[in-house]
Amino acid sequence: DYKVSHQLCREKMKKIQDDYELMISKLKKKCKAELEEARVEHDAEVMQIGRHCDDRLLQLKDSNRIRIEEIENSKEEECRKKLDSLESKHRDEVNKLKKQYKEEIENLEDDC
């Protein structure tokens, strides 16, 4: 009677252990599948973020290029205006000197 009882107990323990190992195996498979799914989703998110960053970088580069062109054009226009102003001033001074020279020549001619 003791041997039968002991045998039944061992069989129950073996079944419990088998059930436990089966449950652990199923949980490992489930966790592995969930981990792979999470990894795939993460990779997709990383790629999407990367594309967004690339797009934003291109926008910023384009915006900066346009801004630089605007600044260069503004500086070019500013320099052109300064140059025009200097040329005008120079012409005025040359004309003033010509007039002064002409008047001095005329005065000298009158005196002589």
N, C-alpha and C. Protein backbone atom coordinates (compact mmCIF):
# COMPACT_ATOMS: atom_id res chain seq x y z
N ASP A 1 0.84 -1.21 0.00
CA ASP A 1 0.00 0.00 0.00
C ASP A 1 0.88 1.26 0.00
N TYR A 2 1.97 1.21 0.78
CA TYR A 2 2.88 2.35 0.82
C TYR A 2 3.54 2.57 -0.52
N LYS A 3 3.97 1.46 -1.18
CA LYS A 3 4.60 1.57 -2.49
C LYS A 3 3.66 2.17 -3.51
N VAL A 4 2.39 1.80 -3.49
CA VAL A 4 1.41 2.33 -4.44
C VAL A 4 1.22 3.81 -4.17
N SER A 5 1.08 4.15 -2.94
CA SER A 5 0.90 5.56 -2.57
C SER A 5 2.13 6.38 -2.97
N HIS A 6 3.30 5.83 -2.69
CA HIS A 6 4.53 6.53 -3.07
C HIS A 6 4.65 6.67 -4.58
N GLN A 7 4.29 5.63 -5.31
CA GLN A 7 4.31 5.65 -6.79
C GLN A 7 3.34 6.70 -7.31
N LEU A 8 2.13 6.76 -6.76
CA LEU A 8 1.15 7.75 -7.18
C LEU A 8 1.66 9.17 -6.92
N CYS A 9 2.28 9.32 -5.78
CA CYS A 9 2.84 10.62 -5.42
C CYS A 9 3.92 11.02 -6.42
N ARG A 10 4.80 10.10 -6.78
CA ARG A 10 5.85 10.39 -7.77
C ARG A 10 5.26 10.71 -9.13
N GLU A 11 4.23 9.99 -9.51
CA GLU A 11 3.58 10.25 -10.80
C GLU A 11 2.93 11.63 -10.81
N LYS A 12 2.29 11.99 -9.68
CA LYS A 12 1.69 13.33 -9.59
C LYS A 12 2.77 14.41 -9.67
N MET A 13 3.88 14.18 -8.94
CA MET A 13 4.98 15.14 -8.97
C MET A 13 5.56 15.24 -10.38
N LYS A 14 5.69 14.11 -11.06
CA LYS A 14 6.21 14.11 -12.43
C LYS A 14 5.27 14.88 -13.34
N LYS A 15 3.96 14.66 -13.18
CA LYS A 15 2.98 15.38 -14.01
C LYS A 15 3.04 16.87 -13.72
N ILE A 16 3.14 17.23 -12.42
CA ILE A 16 3.23 18.64 -12.06
C ILE A 16 4.49 19.24 -12.69
N GLN A 17 5.60 18.51 -12.61
CA GLN A 17 6.86 19.02 -13.20
C GLN A 17 6.73 19.15 -14.71
N ASP A 18 6.14 18.16 -15.36
CA ASP A 18 5.94 18.23 -16.82
C ASP A 18 5.05 19.42 -17.18
N ASP A 19 3.95 19.58 -16.43
CA ASP A 19 3.05 20.71 -16.68
C ASP A 19 3.79 22.04 -16.49
N TYR A 20 4.61 22.09 -15.43
CA TYR A 20 5.38 23.30 -15.15
C TYR A 20 6.35 23.60 -16.30
N GLU A 21 7.06 22.59 -16.75
CA GLU A 21 8.03 22.77 -17.85
C GLU A 21 7.31 23.18 -19.14
N LEU A 22 6.14 22.59 -19.39
CA LEU A 22 5.36 22.95 -20.57
C LEU A 22 4.91 24.40 -20.47
N MET A 23 4.45 24.79 -19.28
CA MET A 23 4.01 26.18 -19.07
C MET A 23 5.18 27.14 -19.27
N ILE A 24 6.33 26.81 -18.71
CA ILE A 24 7.54 27.64 -18.87
C ILE A 24 7.91 27.73 -20.34
N SER A 25 7.86 26.64 -21.05
CA SER A 25 8.19 26.62 -22.47
C SER A 25 7.24 27.51 -23.26
N LYS A 26 5.94 27.40 -22.96
CA LYS A 26 4.95 28.25 -23.64
C LYS A 26 5.20 29.72 -23.34
N LEU A 27 5.47 30.03 -22.05
CA LEU A 27 5.76 31.42 -21.67
C LEU A 27 6.99 31.96 -22.38
N LYS A 28 8.05 31.11 -22.49
CA LYS A 28 9.27 31.54 -23.18
C LYS A 28 8.96 31.85 -24.65
N LYS A 29 8.18 30.98 -25.30
CA LYS A 29 7.81 31.20 -26.70
C LYS A 29 7.00 32.48 -26.85
N LYS A 30 6.04 32.66 -25.93
CA LYS A 30 5.20 33.86 -25.97
C LYS A 30 6.05 35.12 -25.77
N CYS A 31 6.92 35.08 -24.78
CA CYS A 31 7.79 36.23 -24.51
C CYS A 31 8.71 36.50 -25.69
N LYS A 32 9.25 35.45 -26.28
CA LYS A 32 10.15 35.61 -27.44
C LYS A 32 9.38 36.26 -28.60
N ALA A 33 8.14 35.82 -28.83
CA ALA A 33 7.32 36.40 -29.91
C ALA A 33 7.00 37.86 -29.62
N GLU A 34 6.63 38.16 -28.36
CA GLU A 34 6.32 39.54 -27.99
C GLU A 34 7.56 40.43 -28.10
N LEU A 35 8.71 39.89 -27.70
CA LEU A 35 9.96 40.64 -27.80
C LEU A 35 10.29 40.93 -29.27
N GLU A 36 10.12 39.94 -30.13
CA GLU A 36 10.39 40.14 -31.56
C GLU A 36 9.43 41.18 -32.14
N GLU A 37 8.17 41.10 -31.75
CA GLU A 37 7.18 42.08 -32.23
C GLU A 37 7.57 43.49 -31.76
N ALA A 38 7.97 43.60 -30.50
CA ALA A 38 8.38 44.90 -29.96
C ALA A 38 9.63 45.40 -30.69
N ARG A 39 10.55 44.48 -31.00
CA ARG A 39 11.78 44.86 -31.71
C ARG A 39 11.44 45.39 -33.11
N VAL A 40 10.53 44.73 -33.80
CA VAL A 40 10.11 45.15 -35.15
C VAL A 40 9.45 46.54 -35.07
N GLU A 41 8.56 46.72 -34.09
CA GLU A 41 7.91 48.02 -33.93
C GLU A 41 8.94 49.11 -33.61
N HIS A 42 9.89 48.78 -32.75
CA HIS A 42 10.93 49.74 -32.38
C HIS A 42 11.76 50.12 -33.61
N ASP A 43 12.17 49.12 -34.39
CA ASP A 43 12.95 49.40 -35.60
C ASP A 43 12.17 50.29 -36.55
N ALA A 44 10.87 50.03 -36.69
CA ALA A 44 10.03 50.85 -37.58
C ALA A 44 9.96 52.29 -37.06
N GLU A 45 9.81 52.45 -35.75
CA GLU A 45 9.77 53.79 -35.15
C GLU A 45 11.09 54.52 -35.35
N VAL A 46 12.20 53.80 -35.15
CA VAL A 46 13.52 54.40 -35.34
C VAL A 46 13.69 54.86 -36.78
N MET A 47 13.26 54.03 -37.73
CA MET A 47 13.37 54.41 -39.15
C MET A 47 12.50 55.63 -39.44
N GLN A 48 11.30 55.66 -38.87
CA GLN A 48 10.40 56.79 -39.08
C GLN A 48 11.00 58.07 -38.49
N ILE A 49 11.56 57.96 -37.30
CA ILE A 49 12.20 59.12 -36.67
C ILE A 49 13.39 59.56 -37.52
N GLY A 50 14.16 58.60 -38.01
CA GLY A 50 15.30 58.92 -38.87
C GLY A 50 14.87 59.66 -40.13
N ARG A 51 13.79 59.19 -40.76
CA ARG A 51 13.28 59.87 -41.97
C ARG A 51 12.81 61.27 -41.62
N HIS A 52 12.12 61.40 -40.49
CA HIS A 52 11.65 62.72 -40.06
C HIS A 52 12.84 63.66 -39.84
N CYS A 53 13.89 63.15 -39.18
CA CYS A 53 15.08 63.96 -38.93
C CYS A 53 15.76 64.35 -40.24
N ASP A 54 15.85 63.40 -41.18
CA ASP A 54 16.44 63.71 -42.48
C ASP A 54 15.64 64.79 -43.20
N ASP A 55 14.31 64.65 -43.17
CA ASP A 55 13.44 65.66 -43.81
C ASP A 55 13.64 67.02 -43.15
N ARG A 56 13.67 67.04 -41.83
CA ARG A 56 13.83 68.30 -41.10
C ARG A 56 15.19 68.93 -41.39
N LEU A 57 16.22 68.08 -41.46
CA LEU A 57 17.56 68.58 -41.77
C LEU A 57 17.59 69.21 -43.16
N LEU A 58 16.95 68.56 -44.13
CA LEU A 58 16.88 69.13 -45.48
C LEU A 58 16.14 70.46 -45.46
N GLN A 59 15.05 70.52 -44.70
CA GLN A 59 14.29 71.78 -44.61
C GLN A 59 15.18 72.89 -44.02
N LEU A 60 15.91 72.54 -42.95
CA LEU A 60 16.77 73.53 -42.31
C LEU A 60 17.90 73.98 -43.24
N LYS A 61 18.49 73.01 -43.96
CA LYS A 61 19.54 73.36 -44.90
C LYS A 61 19.00 74.30 -45.98
N ASP A 62 17.82 73.97 -46.50
CA ASP A 62 17.20 74.79 -47.53
C ASP A 62 16.88 76.17 -46.99
N SER A 63 16.32 76.21 -45.79
CA SER A 63 15.98 77.48 -45.15
C SER A 63 17.24 78.32 -44.92
N ASN A 64 18.30 77.67 -44.45
CA ASN A 64 19.56 78.38 -44.22
C ASN A 64 20.16 78.88 -45.53
N ARG A 65 20.07 78.06 -46.58
CA ARG A 65 20.61 78.47 -47.88
C ARG A 65 19.86 79.71 -48.37
N ILE A 66 18.54 79.68 -48.25
CA ILE A 66 17.73 80.84 -48.67
C ILE A 66 18.10 82.06 -47.84
N ARG A 67 18.23 81.88 -46.53
CA ARG A 67 18.58 83.00 -45.64
C ARG A 67 19.96 83.56 -46.00
N ILE A 68 20.90 82.68 -46.27
CA ILE A 68 22.25 83.12 -46.64
C ILE A 68 22.19 83.91 -47.95
N GLU A 69 21.42 83.41 -48.91
CA GLU A 69 21.27 84.15 -50.18
C GLU A 69 20.66 85.52 -49.94
N GLU A 70 19.65 85.58 -49.07
CA GLU A 70 19.02 86.87 -48.75
C GLU A 70 20.04 87.83 -48.13
N ILE A 71 20.84 87.31 -47.20
CA ILE A 71 21.86 88.15 -46.54
C ILE A 71 22.91 88.60 -47.56
N GLU A 72 23.35 87.66 -48.40
CA GLU A 72 24.35 88.02 -49.41
C GLU A 72 23.79 89.09 -50.36
N ASN A 73 22.54 88.90 -50.80
CA ASN A 73 21.92 89.88 -51.69
C ASN A 73 21.79 91.23 -51.01
N SER A 74 21.41 91.20 -49.74
CA SER A 74 21.26 92.44 -48.97
C SER A 74 22.61 93.14 -48.85
N LYS A 75 23.66 92.37 -48.52
CA LYS A 75 25.00 92.94 -48.39
C LYS A 75 25.48 93.47 -49.75
N GLU A 76 25.19 92.73 -50.79
CA GLU A 76 25.58 93.15 -52.13
C GLU A 76 24.89 94.48 -52.49
N GLU A 77 23.61 94.56 -52.19
CA GLU A 77 22.85 95.79 -52.46
C GLU A 77 23.40 96.95 -51.62
N GLU A 78 23.70 96.65 -50.36
CA GLU A 78 24.26 97.67 -49.46
C GLU A 78 25.61 98.17 -50.01
N CYS A 79 26.45 97.25 -50.46
CA CYS A 79 27.75 97.64 -51.03
C CYS A 79 27.56 98.43 -52.32
N ARG A 80 26.61 98.03 -53.13
CA ARG A 80 26.34 98.74 -54.38
C ARG A 80 25.92 100.19 -54.08
N LYS A 81 25.06 100.35 -53.09
CA LYS A 81 24.62 101.70 -52.71
C LYS A 81 25.79 102.54 -52.20
N LYS A 82 26.64 101.93 -51.36
CA LYS A 82 27.81 102.65 -50.84
C LYS A 82 28.73 103.05 -52.00
N LEU A 83 28.93 102.12 -52.92
CA LEU A 83 29.78 102.39 -54.07
C LEU A 83 29.20 103.53 -54.92
N ASP A 84 27.89 103.44 -55.18
CA ASP A 84 27.23 104.51 -55.94
C ASP A 84 27.40 105.85 -55.23
N SER A 85 27.22 105.85 -53.92
CA SER A 85 27.35 107.07 -53.14
C SER A 85 28.78 107.61 -53.23
N LEU A 86 29.77 106.73 -53.10
CA LEU A 86 31.17 107.15 -53.20
C LEU A 86 31.49 107.69 -54.59
N GLU A 87 30.98 107.00 -55.62
CA GLU A 87 31.21 107.46 -56.99
C GLU A 87 30.59 108.84 -57.20
N SER A 88 29.39 109.02 -56.68
CA SER A 88 28.71 110.31 -56.81
C SER A 88 29.50 111.40 -56.08
N LYS A 89 29.95 111.09 -54.88
CA LYS A 89 30.74 112.04 -54.09
C LYS A 89 32.03 112.39 -54.84
N HIS A 90 32.65 111.36 -55.40
CA HIS A 90 33.89 111.55 -56.15
C HIS A 90 33.64 112.46 -57.36
N ARG A 91 32.56 112.21 -58.10
CA ARG A 91 32.21 113.05 -59.26
C ARG A 91 32.01 114.49 -58.83
N ASP A 92 31.28 114.65 -57.72
CA ASP A 92 31.03 116.01 -57.21
C ASP A 92 32.34 116.71 -56.86
N GLU A 93 33.23 115.98 -56.19
CA GLU A 93 34.51 116.58 -55.84
C GLU A 93 35.34 116.91 -57.08
N VAL A 94 35.34 115.99 -58.05
CA VAL A 94 36.08 116.24 -59.30
C VAL A 94 35.50 117.46 -60.01
N ASN A 95 34.18 117.53 -60.10
CA ASN A 95 33.53 118.67 -60.76
C ASN A 95 33.83 119.96 -60.01
N LYS A 96 33.83 119.90 -58.70
CA LYS A 96 34.13 121.08 -57.89
C LYS A 96 35.57 121.54 -58.15
N LEU A 97 36.49 120.58 -58.19
CA LEU A 97 37.89 120.91 -58.46
C LEU A 97 38.06 121.46 -59.88
N LYS A 98 37.34 120.88 -60.85
CA LYS A 98 37.41 121.38 -62.23
C LYS A 98 36.93 122.82 -62.29
N LYS A 99 35.81 123.06 -61.62
CA LYS A 99 35.25 124.42 -61.61
C LYS A 99 36.22 125.39 -60.95
N GLN A 100 36.77 124.96 -59.81
CA GLN A 100 37.73 125.80 -59.08
C GLN A 100 38.95 126.07 -59.97
N TYR A 101 39.43 125.05 -60.63
CA TYR A 101 40.59 125.19 -61.51
C TYR A 101 40.28 126.15 -62.66
N LYS A 102 39.10 125.98 -63.24
CA LYS A 102 38.68 126.83 -64.35
C LYS A 102 38.61 128.29 -63.91
N GLU A 103 38.03 128.49 -62.70
CA GLU A 103 37.93 129.86 -62.18
C GLU A 103 39.32 130.46 -61.94
N GLU A 104 40.23 129.66 -61.40
CA GLU A 104 41.59 130.16 -61.16
C GLU A 104 42.28 130.50 -62.46
N ILE A 105 42.08 129.66 -63.49
CA ILE A 105 42.68 129.93 -64.80
C ILE A 105 42.09 131.23 -65.37
N GLU A 106 40.79 131.36 -65.26
CA GLU A 106 40.14 132.58 -65.77
C GLU A 106 40.66 133.82 -65.03
N ASN A 107 40.81 133.72 -63.74
CA ASN A 107 41.33 134.82 -62.94
C ASN A 107 42.76 135.16 -63.35
N LEU A 108 43.53 134.14 -63.58
CA LEU A 108 44.90 134.36 -63.99
C LEU A 108 44.95 135.02 -65.38
N GLU A 109 44.05 134.55 -66.25
CA GLU A 109 44.01 135.12 -67.59
C GLU A 109 43.59 136.60 -67.53
N ASP A 110 42.64 136.89 -66.66
CA ASP A 110 42.20 138.27 -66.50
C ASP A 110 43.33 139.16 -65.99
N ASP A 111 44.09 138.59 -65.07
CA ASP A 111 45.18 139.36 -64.46
C ASP A 111 46.31 139.58 -65.46
N CYS A 112 46.49 138.62 -66.32
CA CYS A 112 47.58 138.74 -67.27
C CYS A 112 47.03 139.47 -68.46
